[in-house]
PDB file of N, CA and C in Angstrom:
ATOM      1  N   MET A   1       0.835  -1.173   0.000  1.00  0.00           N
ATOM      2  CA  MET A   1       0.000   0.000   0.000  1.00  0.00           C
ATOM      3  C   MET A   1       0.884   1.242   0.000  1.00  0.00           C
ATOM      4  N   ALA A   2       0.563   2.179  -0.845  1.00  0.00           N
ATOM      5  CA  ALA A   2       1.346   3.405  -0.962  1.00  0.00           C
ATOM      6  C   ALA A   2       1.073   4.332   0.218  1.00  0.00           C
ATOM      7  N   GLY A   3       2.085   5.082   0.581  1.00  0.00           N
ATOM      8  CA  GLY A   3       1.934   6.044   1.657  1.00  0.00           C
ATOM      9  C   GLY A   3       1.182   7.285   1.196  1.00  0.00           C
ATOM     10  N   SER A   4       0.748   8.061   2.151  1.00  0.00           N
ATOM     11  CA  SER A   4       0.035   9.307   1.853  1.00  0.00           C
ATOM     12  C   SER A   4       0.995  10.307   1.220  1.00  0.00           C
ATOM     13  N   PRO A   5       0.557  11.046   0.217  1.00  0.00           N
ATOM     14  CA  PRO A   5       1.422  12.057  -0.396  1.00  0.00           C
ATOM     15  C   PRO A   5       1.849  13.117   0.621  1.00  0.00           C
ATOM     16  N   LEU A   6       3.093  13.528   0.549  1.00  0.00           N
ATOM     17  CA  LEU A   6       3.664  14.477   1.501  1.00  0.00           C
ATOM     18  C   LEU A   6       3.233  15.913   1.239  1.00  0.00           C
ATOM     19  N   TRP A   7       3.188  16.312  -0.008  1.00  0.00           N
ATOM     20  CA  TRP A   7       3.001  17.705  -0.396  1.00  0.00           C
ATOM     21  C   TRP A   7       1.517  18.045  -0.458  1.00  0.00           C
ATOM     22  N   LYS A   8       1.100  19.044   0.337  1.00  0.00           N
ATOM     23  CA  LYS A   8      -0.300  19.449   0.402  1.00  0.00           C
ATOM     24  C   LYS A   8      -0.444  20.837  -0.221  1.00  0.00           C
ATOM     25  N   VAL A   9      -1.465  21.000  -1.032  1.00  0.00           N
ATOM     26  CA  VAL A   9      -1.731  22.281  -1.687  1.00  0.00           C
ATOM     27  C   VAL A   9      -2.934  22.930  -1.011  1.00  0.00           C
ATOM     28  N   TYR A  10      -2.737  24.171  -0.588  1.00  0.00           N
ATOM     29  CA  TYR A  10      -3.801  24.953   0.032  1.00  0.00           C
ATOM     30  C   TYR A  10      -3.982  26.248  -0.748  1.00  0.00           C
ATOM     31  N   ILE A  11      -5.228  26.651  -0.891  1.00  0.00           N
ATOM     32  CA  ILE A  11      -5.543  27.945  -1.478  1.00  0.00           C
ATOM     33  C   ILE A  11      -6.474  28.642  -0.503  1.00  0.00           C
ATOM     34  N   GLU A  12      -5.997  29.777   0.004  1.00  0.00           N
ATOM     35  CA  GLU A  12      -6.734  30.543   1.009  1.00  0.00           C
ATOM     36  C   GLU A  12      -7.155  29.645   2.183  1.00  0.00           C
ATOM     37  N   ASP A  13      -6.211  28.884   2.688  1.00  0.00           N
ATOM     38  CA  ASP A  13      -6.389  27.973   3.830  1.00  0.00           C
ATOM     39  C   ASP A  13      -7.386  26.847   3.592  1.00  0.00           C
ATOM     40  N   GLU A  14      -7.749  26.618   2.344  1.00  0.00           N
ATOM     41  CA  GLU A  14      -8.600  25.476   2.007  1.00  0.00           C
ATOM     42  C   GLU A  14      -7.731  24.397   1.368  1.00  0.00           C
ATOM     43  N   TYR A  15      -7.815  23.194   1.918  1.00  0.00           N
ATOM     44  CA  TYR A  15      -7.054  22.057   1.388  1.00  0.00           C
ATOM     45  C   TYR A  15      -7.614  21.689   0.022  1.00  0.00           C
ATOM     46  N   ILE A  16      -6.753  21.703  -0.991  1.00  0.00           N
ATOM     47  CA  ILE A  16      -7.161  21.466  -2.366  1.00  0.00           C
ATOM     48  C   ILE A  16      -6.715  20.098  -2.878  1.00  0.00           C
ATOM     49  N   ALA A  17      -5.436  19.750  -2.620  1.00  0.00           N
ATOM     50  CA  ALA A  17      -4.881  18.524  -3.200  1.00  0.00           C
ATOM     51  C   ALA A  17      -3.632  18.101  -2.450  1.00  0.00           C
ATOM     52  N   SER A  18      -3.212  16.874  -2.707  1.00  0.00           N
ATOM     53  CA  SER A  18      -1.921  16.402  -2.225  1.00  0.00           C
ATOM     54  C   SER A  18      -1.228  15.700  -3.379  1.00  0.00           C
ATOM     55  N   THR A  19       0.096  15.800  -3.392  1.00  0.00           N
ATOM     56  CA  THR A  19       0.878  15.192  -4.462  1.00  0.00           C
ATOM     57  C   THR A  19       2.088  14.493  -3.869  1.00  0.00           C
ATOM     58  N   LYS A  20       2.644  13.581  -4.624  1.00  0.00           N
ATOM     59  CA  LYS A  20       3.851  12.875  -4.188  1.00  0.00           C
ATOM     60  C   LYS A  20       5.117  13.612  -4.606  1.00  0.00           C
ATOM     61  N   ASP A  21       4.964  14.650  -5.428  1.00  0.00           N
ATOM     62  CA  ASP A  21       6.105  15.424  -5.908  1.00  0.00           C
ATOM     63  C   ASP A  21       5.693  16.890  -5.960  1.00  0.00           C
ATOM     64  N   PRO A  22       6.532  17.800  -5.438  1.00  0.00           N
ATOM     65  CA  PRO A  22       6.159  19.215  -5.458  1.00  0.00           C
ATOM     66  C   PRO A  22       6.059  19.789  -6.876  1.00  0.00           C
ATOM     67  N   PHE A  23       6.640  19.122  -7.853  1.00  0.00           N
ATOM     68  CA  PHE A  23       6.521  19.537  -9.257  1.00  0.00           C
ATOM     69  C   PHE A  23       5.042  19.624  -9.647  1.00  0.00           C
ATOM     70  N   TYR A  24       4.270  18.613  -9.258  1.00  0.00           N
ATOM     71  CA  TYR A  24       2.844  18.590  -9.594  1.00  0.00           C
ATOM     72  C   TYR A  24       2.051  19.583  -8.751  1.00  0.00           C
ATOM     73  N   ALA A  25       2.474  19.783  -7.527  1.00  0.00           N
ATOM     74  CA  ALA A  25       1.845  20.820  -6.697  1.00  0.00           C
ATOM     75  C   ALA A  25       2.072  22.188  -7.332  1.00  0.00           C
ATOM     76  N   ALA A  26       3.254  22.391  -7.901  1.00  0.00           N
ATOM     77  CA  ALA A  26       3.556  23.657  -8.580  1.00  0.00           C
ATOM     78  C   ALA A  26       2.628  23.874  -9.775  1.00  0.00           C
ATOM     79  N   MET A  27       2.296  22.809 -10.469  1.00  0.00           N
ATOM     80  CA  MET A  27       1.383  22.927 -11.608  1.00  0.00           C
ATOM     81  C   MET A  27       0.006  23.430 -11.150  1.00  0.00           C
ATOM     82  N   ILE A  28      -0.451  22.927 -10.021  1.00  0.00           N
ATOM     83  CA  ILE A  28      -1.744  23.354  -9.479  1.00  0.00           C
ATOM     84  C   ILE A  28      -1.678  24.821  -9.074  1.00  0.00           C
ATOM     85  N   ILE A  29      -0.631  25.183  -8.347  1.00  0.00           N
ATOM     86  CA  ILE A  29      -0.455  26.568  -7.901  1.00  0.00           C
ATOM     87  C   ILE A  29      -0.373  27.506  -9.100  1.00  0.00           C
ATOM     88  N   ALA A  30       0.385  27.112 -10.108  1.00  0.00           N
ATOM     89  CA  ALA A  30       0.529  27.947 -11.305  1.00  0.00           C
ATOM     90  C   ALA A  30      -0.809  28.133 -12.010  1.00  0.00           C
ATOM     91  N   GLY A  31      -1.575  27.062 -12.092  1.00  0.00           N
ATOM     92  CA  GLY A  31      -2.880  27.139 -12.746  1.00  0.00           C
ATOM     93  C   GLY A  31      -3.857  28.041 -12.011  1.00  0.00           C
ATOM     94  N   MET A  32      -3.772  28.049 -10.697  1.00  0.00           N
ATOM     95  CA  MET A  32      -4.672  28.869  -9.887  1.00  0.00           C
ATOM     96  C   MET A  32      -4.150  30.301  -9.719  1.00  0.00           C
ATOM     97  N   GLY A  33      -2.826  30.454  -9.844  1.00  0.00           N
ATOM     98  CA  GLY A  33      -2.234  31.779  -9.677  1.00  0.00           C
ATOM     99  C   GLY A  33      -2.075  32.213  -8.232  1.00  0.00           C
ATOM    100  N   LYS A  34      -2.342  31.307  -7.304  1.00  0.00           N
ATOM    101  CA  LYS A  34      -2.200  31.608  -5.879  1.00  0.00           C
ATOM    102  C   LYS A  34      -2.159  30.301  -5.106  1.00  0.00           C
ATOM    103  N   GLY A  35      -1.810  30.414  -3.835  1.00  0.00           N
ATOM    104  CA  GLY A  35      -1.808  29.234  -2.980  1.00  0.00           C
ATOM    105  C   GLY A  35      -0.466  28.980  -2.329  1.00  0.00           C
ATOM    106  N   GLU A  36      -0.419  27.874  -1.596  1.00  0.00           N
ATOM    107  CA  GLU A  36       0.820  27.481  -0.931  1.00  0.00           C
ATOM    108  C   GLU A  36       0.952  25.965  -0.908  1.00  0.00           C
ATOM    109  N   ILE A  37       2.197  25.537  -0.793  1.00  0.00           N
ATOM    110  CA  ILE A  37       2.519  24.116  -0.700  1.00  0.00           C
ATOM    111  C   ILE A  37       3.068  23.887   0.699  1.00  0.00           C
ATOM    112  N   ARG A  38       2.538  22.880   1.358  1.00  0.00           N
ATOM    113  CA  ARG A  38       2.976  22.558   2.717  1.00  0.00           C
ATOM    114  C   ARG A  38       3.555  21.155   2.766  1.00  0.00           C
ATOM    115  N   ILE A  39       4.459  20.954   3.709  1.00  0.00           N
ATOM    116  CA  ILE A  39       4.973  19.628   4.036  1.00  0.00           C
ATOM    117  C   ILE A  39       3.995  19.083   5.069  1.00  0.00           C
ATOM    118  N   GLY A  40       3.065  18.274   4.636  1.00  0.00           N
ATOM    119  CA  GLY A  40       1.986  17.846   5.513  1.00  0.00           C
ATOM    120  C   GLY A  40       0.925  18.940   5.594  1.00  0.00           C
ATOM    121  N   HIS A  41       0.081  18.864   6.601  1.00  0.00           N
ATOM    122  CA  HIS A  41      -1.038  19.798   6.696  1.00  0.00           C
ATOM    123  C   HIS A  41      -0.760  21.020   7.565  1.00  0.00           C
ATOM    124  N   ASN A  42       0.298  20.991   8.354  1.00  0.00           N
ATOM    125  CA  ASN A  42       0.565  22.063   9.300  1.00  0.00           C
ATOM    126  C   ASN A  42       1.023  23.333   8.587  1.00  0.00           C
ATOM    127  N   LYS A  43       0.352  24.447   8.858  1.00  0.00           N
ATOM    128  CA  LYS A  43       0.681  25.717   8.207  1.00  0.00           C
ATOM    129  C   LYS A  43       2.120  26.164   8.488  1.00  0.00           C
ATOM    130  N   LYS A  44       2.642  25.802   9.655  1.00  0.00           N
ATOM    131  CA  LYS A  44       4.017  26.210   9.975  1.00  0.00           C
ATOM    132  C   LYS A  44       5.043  25.520   9.066  1.00  0.00           C
ATOM    133  N   ASN A  45       4.626  24.466   8.381  1.00  0.00           N
ATOM    134  CA  ASN A  45       5.517  23.754   7.472  1.00  0.00           C
ATOM    135  C   ASN A  45       5.272  24.127   6.006  1.00  0.00           C
ATOM    136  N   THR A  46       4.870  25.360   5.786  1.00  0.00           N
ATOM    137  CA  THR A  46       4.670  25.849   4.427  1.00  0.00           C
ATOM    138  C   THR A  46       6.032  26.021   3.767  1.00  0.00           C
ATOM    139  N   CYS A  47       6.188  25.448   2.591  1.00  0.00           N
ATOM    140  CA  CYS A  47       7.482  25.541   1.903  1.00  0.00           C
ATOM    141  C   CYS A  47       7.404  26.385   0.624  1.00  0.00           C
ATOM    142  N   TRP A  48       6.216  26.800   0.218  1.00  0.00           N
ATOM    143  CA  TRP A  48       6.072  27.670  -0.956  1.00  0.00           C
ATOM    144  C   TRP A  48       4.826  28.524  -0.785  1.00  0.00           C
ATOM    145  N   ARG A  49       4.996  29.824  -0.928  1.00  0.00           N
ATOM    146  CA  ARG A  49       3.865  30.757  -0.903  1.00  0.00           C
ATOM    147  C   ARG A  49       3.892  31.553  -2.203  1.00  0.00           C
ATOM    148  N   GLU A  50       2.947  31.268  -3.041  1.00  0.00           N
ATOM    149  CA  GLU A  50       2.888  31.958  -4.332  1.00  0.00           C
ATOM    150  C   GLU A  50       2.746  33.459  -4.089  1.00  0.00           C
ATOM    151  N   GLY A  51       3.549  34.230  -4.821  1.00  0.00           N
ATOM    152  CA  GLY A  51       3.551  35.678  -4.661  1.00  0.00           C
ATOM    153  C   GLY A  51       4.579  36.182  -3.674  1.00  0.00           C
ATOM    154  N   GLN A  52       5.183  35.278  -2.893  1.00  0.00           N
ATOM    155  CA  GLN A  52       6.192  35.681  -1.914  1.00  0.00           C
ATOM    156  C   GLN A  52       7.554  35.043  -2.202  1.00  0.00           C
ATOM    157  N   GLU A  53       7.669  34.432  -3.346  1.00  0.00           N
ATOM    158  CA  GLU A  53       8.916  33.743  -3.711  1.00  0.00           C
ATOM    159  C   GLU A  53       9.662  34.553  -4.780  1.00  0.00           C
ATOM    160  N   GLN A  54      10.843  34.084  -5.157  1.00  0.00           N
ATOM    161  CA  GLN A  54      11.670  34.792  -6.132  1.00  0.00           C
ATOM    162  C   GLN A  54      11.013  34.918  -7.492  1.00  0.00           C
ATOM    163  N   LYS A  55      10.214  33.943  -7.856  1.00  0.00           N
ATOM    164  CA  LYS A  55       9.492  33.975  -9.118  1.00  0.00           C
ATOM    165  C   LYS A  55       8.221  33.151  -8.983  1.00  0.00           C
ATOM    166  N   PRO A  56       7.254  33.379  -9.851  1.00  0.00           N
ATOM    167  CA  PRO A  56       5.998  32.624  -9.748  1.00  0.00           C
ATOM    168  C   PRO A  56       6.160  31.174 -10.181  1.00  0.00           C
ATOM    169  N   ALA A  57       5.285  30.323  -9.666  1.00  0.00           N
ATOM    170  CA  ALA A  57       5.325  28.902 -10.012  1.00  0.00           C
ATOM    171  C   ALA A  57       5.173  28.690 -11.511  1.00  0.00           C
ATOM    172  N   SER A  58       4.410  29.536 -12.163  1.00  0.00           N
ATOM    173  CA  SER A  58       4.180  29.384 -13.604  1.00  0.00           C
ATOM    174  C   SER A  58       5.449  29.574 -14.429  1.00  0.00           C
ATOM    175  N   GLU A  59       6.446  30.208 -13.842  1.00  0.00           N
ATOM    176  CA  GLU A  59       7.701  30.447 -14.558  1.00  0.00           C
ATOM    177  C   GLU A  59       8.600  29.212 -14.578  1.00  0.00           C
ATOM    178  N   SER A  60       8.538  28.391 -13.521  1.00  0.00           N
ATOM    179  CA  SER A  60       9.387  27.201 -13.477  1.00  0.00           C
ATOM    180  C   SER A  60       8.917  26.225 -12.407  1.00  0.00           C
ATOM    181  N   TYR A  61       8.314  25.136 -12.837  1.00  0.00           N
ATOM    182  CA  TYR A  61       7.913  24.088 -11.893  1.00  0.00           C
ATOM    183  C   TYR A  61       9.147  23.480 -11.230  1.00  0.00           C
ATOM    184  N   ASP A  62      10.240  23.389 -11.981  1.00  0.00           N
ATOM    185  CA  ASP A  62      11.479  22.837 -11.420  1.00  0.00           C
ATOM    186  C   ASP A  62      12.002  23.717 -10.290  1.00  0.00           C
ATOM    187  N   PHE A  63      11.912  25.026 -10.453  1.00  0.00           N
ATOM    188  CA  PHE A  63      12.356  25.948  -9.399  1.00  0.00           C
ATOM    189  C   PHE A  63      11.536  25.727  -8.132  1.00  0.00           C
ATOM    190  N   VAL A  64      10.229  25.595  -8.283  1.00  0.00           N
ATOM    191  CA  VAL A  64       9.358  25.333  -7.135  1.00  0.00           C
ATOM    192  C   VAL A  64       9.766  24.013  -6.472  1.00  0.00           C
ATOM    193  N   SER A  65       9.924  22.987  -7.266  1.00  0.00           N
ATOM    194  CA  SER A  65      10.293  21.670  -6.757  1.00  0.00           C
ATOM    195  C   SER A  65      11.623  21.724  -6.004  1.00  0.00           C
ATOM    196  N   ASP A  66      12.626  22.344  -6.607  1.00  0.00           N
ATOM    197  CA  ASP A  66      13.933  22.460  -5.952  1.00  0.00           C
ATOM    198  C   ASP A  66      13.830  23.228  -4.635  1.00  0.00           C
ATOM    199  N   THR A  67      13.052  24.311  -4.633  1.00  0.00           N
ATOM    200  CA  THR A  67      12.866  25.108  -3.423  1.00  0.00           C
ATOM    201  C   THR A  67      12.194  24.284  -2.332  1.00  0.00           C
ATOM    202  N   CYS A  68      11.152  23.554  -2.696  1.00  0.00           N
ATOM    203  CA  CYS A  68      10.435  22.726  -1.717  1.00  0.00           C
ATOM    204  C   CYS A  68      11.327  21.632  -1.148  1.00  0.00           C
ATOM    205  N   TYR A  69      12.093  20.963  -1.991  1.00  0.00           N
ATOM    206  CA  TYR A  69      12.989  19.915  -1.493  1.00  0.00           C
ATOM    207  C   TYR A  69      14.073  20.495  -0.588  1.00  0.00           C
ATOM    208  N   SER A  70      14.575  21.670  -0.923  1.00  0.00           N
ATOM    209  CA  SER A  70      15.569  22.325  -0.084  1.00  0.00           C
ATOM    210  C   SER A  70      14.979  22.654   1.286  1.00  0.00           C
ATOM    211  N   ARG A  71      13.761  23.143   1.297  1.00  0.00           N
ATOM    212  CA  ARG A  71      13.104  23.476   2.562  1.00  0.00           C
ATOM    213  C   ARG A  71      12.710  22.224   3.336  1.00  0.00           C
ATOM    214  N   LEU A  72      12.421  21.143   2.648  1.00  0.00           N
ATOM    215  CA  LEU A  72      12.158  19.869   3.315  1.00  0.00           C
ATOM    216  C   LEU A  72      13.421  19.372   4.024  1.00  0.00           C
ATOM    217  N   ARG A  73      14.573  19.465   3.347  1.00  0.00           N
ATOM    218  CA  ARG A  73      15.838  19.058   3.983  1.00  0.00           C
ATOM    219  C   ARG A  73      16.097  19.879   5.238  1.00  0.00           C
ATOM    220  N   GLU A  74      15.851  21.190   5.164  1.00  0.00           N
ATOM    221  CA  GLU A  74      16.043  22.056   6.325  1.00  0.00           C
ATOM    222  C   GLU A  74      15.056  21.695   7.428  1.00  0.00           C
ATOM    223  N   HIS A  75      13.825  21.439   7.083  1.00  0.00           N
ATOM    224  CA  HIS A  75      12.800  21.019   8.047  1.00  0.00           C
ATOM    225  C   HIS A  75      13.246  19.735   8.754  1.00  0.00           C
ATOM    226  N   ASN A  76      13.705  18.750   7.994  1.00  0.00           N
ATOM    227  CA  ASN A  76      14.150  17.475   8.567  1.00  0.00           C
ATOM    228  C   ASN A  76      15.361  17.666   9.476  1.00  0.00           C
ATOM    229  N   ARG A  77      16.281  18.546   9.070  1.00  0.00           N
ATOM    230  CA  ARG A  77      17.463  18.841   9.908  1.00  0.00           C
ATOM    231  C   ARG A  77      17.032  19.429  11.236  1.00  0.00           C
ATOM    232  N   GLN A  78      16.098  20.373  11.198  1.00  0.00           N
ATOM    233  CA  GLN A  78      15.622  21.013  12.436  1.00  0.00           C
ATOM    234  C   GLN A  78      14.904  19.995  13.333  1.00  0.00           C
ATOM    235  N   CYS A  79      14.163  19.097  12.741  1.00  0.00           N
ATOM    236  CA  CYS A  79      13.481  18.052  13.530  1.00  0.00           C
ATOM    237  C   CYS A  79      14.490  17.142  14.214  1.00  0.00           C
ATOM    238  N   ARG A  80      15.545  16.764  13.485  1.00  0.00           N
ATOM    239  CA  ARG A  80      16.589  15.914  14.092  1.00  0.00           C
ATOM    240  C   ARG A  80      17.267  16.619  15.245  1.00  0.00           C
ATOM    241  N   GLU A  81      17.583  17.912  15.064  1.00  0.00           N
ATOM    242  CA  GLU A  81      18.234  18.668  16.133  1.00  0.00           C
ATOM    243  C   GLU A  81      17.335  18.798  17.356  1.00  0.00           C
ATOM    244  N   ALA A  82      16.042  18.984  17.116  1.00  0.00           N
ATOM    245  CA  ALA A  82      15.091  19.117  18.231  1.00  0.00           C
ATOM    246  C   ALA A  82      14.994  17.820  19.027  1.00  0.00           C
ATOM    247  N   GLN A  83      15.247  16.704  18.369  1.00  0.00           N
ATOM    248  CA  GLN A  83      15.199  15.405  19.035  1.00  0.00           C
ATOM    249  C   GLN A  83      16.547  15.012  19.631  1.00  0.00           C
ATOM    250  N   GLY A  84      17.515  15.927  19.516  1.00  0.00           N
ATOM    251  CA  GLY A  84      18.822  15.676  20.109  1.00  0.00           C
ATOM    252  C   GLY A  84      19.743  14.850  19.226  1.00  0.00           C
ATOM    253  N   GLY A  85      19.428  14.761  17.950  1.00  0.00           N
ATOM    254  CA  GLY A  85      20.232  13.928  17.051  1.00  0.00           C
ATOM    255  C   GLY A  85      20.932  14.714  16.088  1.00  0.00           C
TER     256      GLY A  85
END
């Protein structure tokens, strides 16, 4: 059985979709022209906010994906440190 997709797409705090790759979440955000991508459902784990990033999702899905993965690595590092590891 496959695990639950990690990347959650929200538009104006409404849960819209989940994806297994932030590339596809970027496609949704680009199509809507707004929204955010979260690592899970918690708002504090938002890794992309359309309109507040260096460029819009519609300009480069790869840029969004790379940014999200970079922020996921940082999130995981902070979690390990908080657990004393």
